[in-house]
Amino acid sequence: MKNKLKELNVDSIGGQAPLTKEEELVISAFIKANKEKLKIGKSRKTARLKSALPA
């Protein structure tokens, strides 16, 4: 196996400028909304599975 001799700095790629505060807020809001959507989907799935089980 080949050992890597250099560590790459991946904090910024391709000379992009850092995110602005507004961009950070937009991304954060999207991630929060996506987590809520996934949480709702999981709760619906578990409720459906519980109702399908015989008592």
N, C-alpha and C. Protein backbone atom coordinates (compact mmCIF):
# COMPACT_ATOMS: atom_id res chain seq x y z
N MET A 1 0.83 -1.19 0.00
CA MET A 1 0.00 0.00 0.00
C MET A 1 0.88 1.25 0.00
N LYS A 2 0.44 2.24 -0.68
CA LYS A 2 1.21 3.47 -0.78
C LYS A 2 0.81 4.44 0.31
N ASN A 3 1.79 5.00 1.01
CA ASN A 3 1.51 6.01 2.04
C ASN A 3 1.42 7.39 1.40
N LYS A 4 0.47 8.18 1.90
CA LYS A 4 0.34 9.55 1.41
C LYS A 4 1.39 10.41 2.11
N LEU A 5 2.12 11.17 1.35
CA LEU A 5 3.16 12.01 1.91
C LEU A 5 2.65 13.41 2.21
N LYS A 6 1.63 13.86 1.51
CA LYS A 6 1.12 15.21 1.69
C LYS A 6 -0.30 15.15 2.21
N GLU A 7 -0.62 16.01 3.16
CA GLU A 7 -1.99 16.16 3.59
C GLU A 7 -2.60 17.30 2.80
N LEU A 8 -3.81 17.09 2.35
CA LEU A 8 -4.47 18.12 1.55
C LEU A 8 -5.30 19.02 2.45
N ASN A 9 -5.26 20.30 2.18
CA ASN A 9 -6.08 21.26 2.89
C ASN A 9 -7.40 21.39 2.12
N VAL A 10 -8.47 20.83 2.67
CA VAL A 10 -9.74 20.81 1.95
C VAL A 10 -10.76 21.79 2.51
N ASP A 11 -10.30 22.76 3.30
CA ASP A 11 -11.22 23.76 3.83
C ASP A 11 -11.78 24.64 2.72
N SER A 12 -11.00 24.89 1.71
CA SER A 12 -11.50 25.64 0.57
C SER A 12 -10.97 24.99 -0.70
N ILE A 13 -11.84 24.84 -1.67
CA ILE A 13 -11.49 24.14 -2.90
C ILE A 13 -11.68 25.08 -4.08
N GLY A 14 -10.72 25.11 -4.96
CA GLY A 14 -10.86 25.85 -6.21
C GLY A 14 -10.84 27.35 -6.07
N GLY A 15 -10.29 27.88 -5.00
CA GLY A 15 -10.18 29.32 -4.86
C GLY A 15 -11.50 30.01 -4.56
N GLN A 16 -12.47 29.28 -4.03
CA GLN A 16 -13.75 29.89 -3.70
C GLN A 16 -13.60 30.76 -2.46
N ALA A 17 -14.34 31.84 -2.43
CA ALA A 17 -14.34 32.70 -1.25
C ALA A 17 -15.15 32.03 -0.14
N PRO A 18 -14.89 32.35 1.10
CA PRO A 18 -15.68 31.77 2.19
C PRO A 18 -17.16 32.17 2.07
N LEU A 19 -18.01 31.36 2.66
CA LEU A 19 -19.45 31.64 2.59
C LEU A 19 -19.78 32.91 3.37
N THR A 20 -20.75 33.64 2.85
CA THR A 20 -21.23 34.81 3.58
C THR A 20 -22.18 34.34 4.68
N LYS A 21 -22.48 35.21 5.60
CA LYS A 21 -23.38 34.87 6.70
C LYS A 21 -24.76 34.49 6.16
N GLU A 22 -25.21 35.19 5.14
CA GLU A 22 -26.52 34.90 4.53
C GLU A 22 -26.54 33.50 3.91
N GLU A 23 -25.46 33.15 3.21
CA GLU A 23 -25.38 31.82 2.60
C GLU A 23 -25.36 30.73 3.67
N GLU A 24 -24.64 30.97 4.77
CA GLU A 24 -24.61 30.00 5.86
C GLU A 24 -26.00 29.79 6.45
N LEU A 25 -26.76 30.88 6.61
CA LEU A 25 -28.11 30.78 7.16
C LEU A 25 -29.04 30.02 6.22
N VAL A 26 -28.91 30.24 4.92
CA VAL A 26 -29.75 29.55 3.94
C VAL A 26 -29.46 28.05 3.98
N ILE A 27 -28.19 27.68 4.01
CA ILE A 27 -27.81 26.27 4.06
C ILE A 27 -28.28 25.64 5.36
N SER A 28 -28.11 26.35 6.46
CA SER A 28 -28.55 25.84 7.76
C SER A 28 -30.06 25.61 7.79
N ALA A 29 -30.83 26.53 7.24
CA ALA A 29 -32.28 26.39 7.20
C ALA A 29 -32.68 25.20 6.34
N PHE A 30 -31.99 24.99 5.23
CA PHE A 30 -32.28 23.85 4.37
C PHE A 30 -32.01 22.53 5.10
N ILE A 31 -30.90 22.44 5.80
CA ILE A 31 -30.55 21.22 6.52
C ILE A 31 -31.57 20.95 7.62
N LYS A 32 -31.98 21.98 8.36
CA LYS A 32 -32.98 21.80 9.42
C LYS A 32 -34.31 21.32 8.84
N ALA A 33 -34.72 21.91 7.72
CA ALA A 33 -35.99 21.51 7.09
C ALA A 33 -35.91 20.07 6.61
N ASN A 34 -34.76 19.69 6.06
CA ASN A 34 -34.59 18.33 5.57
C ASN A 34 -34.63 17.32 6.73
N LYS A 35 -34.02 17.66 7.86
CA LYS A 35 -34.06 16.78 9.04
C LYS A 35 -35.48 16.61 9.55
N GLU A 36 -36.24 17.70 9.58
CA GLU A 36 -37.63 17.62 10.03
C GLU A 36 -38.46 16.74 9.08
N LYS A 37 -38.21 16.89 7.78
CA LYS A 37 -38.93 16.09 6.80
C LYS A 37 -38.62 14.60 6.99
N LEU A 38 -37.36 14.28 7.25
CA LEU A 38 -36.97 12.89 7.48
C LEU A 38 -37.58 12.36 8.77
N LYS A 39 -37.62 13.20 9.80
CA LYS A 39 -38.18 12.79 11.08
C LYS A 39 -39.67 12.48 10.94
N ILE A 40 -40.39 13.30 10.19
CA ILE A 40 -41.82 13.08 9.97
C ILE A 40 -42.03 11.79 9.19
N GLY A 41 -41.22 11.55 8.19
CA GLY A 41 -41.33 10.33 7.40
C GLY A 41 -41.07 9.09 8.23
N LYS A 42 -40.11 9.15 9.14
CA LYS A 42 -39.81 8.01 10.01
C LYS A 42 -40.95 7.75 10.97
N SER A 43 -41.54 8.81 11.53
CA SER A 43 -42.62 8.62 12.48
C SER A 43 -43.85 8.04 11.79
N ARG A 44 -44.10 8.43 10.56
CA ARG A 44 -45.22 7.87 9.80
C ARG A 44 -44.97 6.38 9.52
N LYS A 45 -43.73 6.06 9.19
CA LYS A 45 -43.40 4.67 8.88
C LYS A 45 -43.56 3.79 10.11
N THR A 46 -43.09 4.24 11.28
CA THR A 46 -43.20 3.43 12.49
C THR A 46 -44.66 3.30 12.91
N ALA A 47 -45.46 4.35 12.72
CA ALA A 47 -46.88 4.29 13.07
C ALA A 47 -47.58 3.28 12.16
N ARG A 48 -47.22 3.28 10.90
CA ARG A 48 -47.81 2.35 9.94
C ARG A 48 -47.44 0.91 10.29
N LEU A 49 -46.17 0.71 10.69
CA LEU A 49 -45.73 -0.64 11.03
C LEU A 49 -46.40 -1.14 12.30
N LYS A 50 -46.59 -0.26 13.27
CA LYS A 50 -47.22 -0.65 14.53
C LYS A 50 -48.68 -1.02 14.29
N SER A 51 -49.36 -0.29 13.40
CA SER A 51 -50.77 -0.59 13.16
C SER A 51 -50.92 -1.87 12.35
N ALA A 52 -49.90 -2.28 11.60
CA ALA A 52 -49.97 -3.48 10.79
C ALA A 52 -49.73 -4.75 11.61
N LEU A 53 -49.08 -4.60 12.77
CA LEU A 53 -48.80 -5.76 13.62
C LEU A 53 -50.07 -6.25 14.30
N PRO A 54 -50.25 -7.57 14.38
CA PRO A 54 -51.42 -8.08 15.09
C PRO A 54 -51.29 -7.84 16.58
N ALA A 55 -52.40 -7.54 17.23
CA ALA A 55 -52.39 -7.23 18.66
C ALA A 55 -52.36 -8.47 19.49
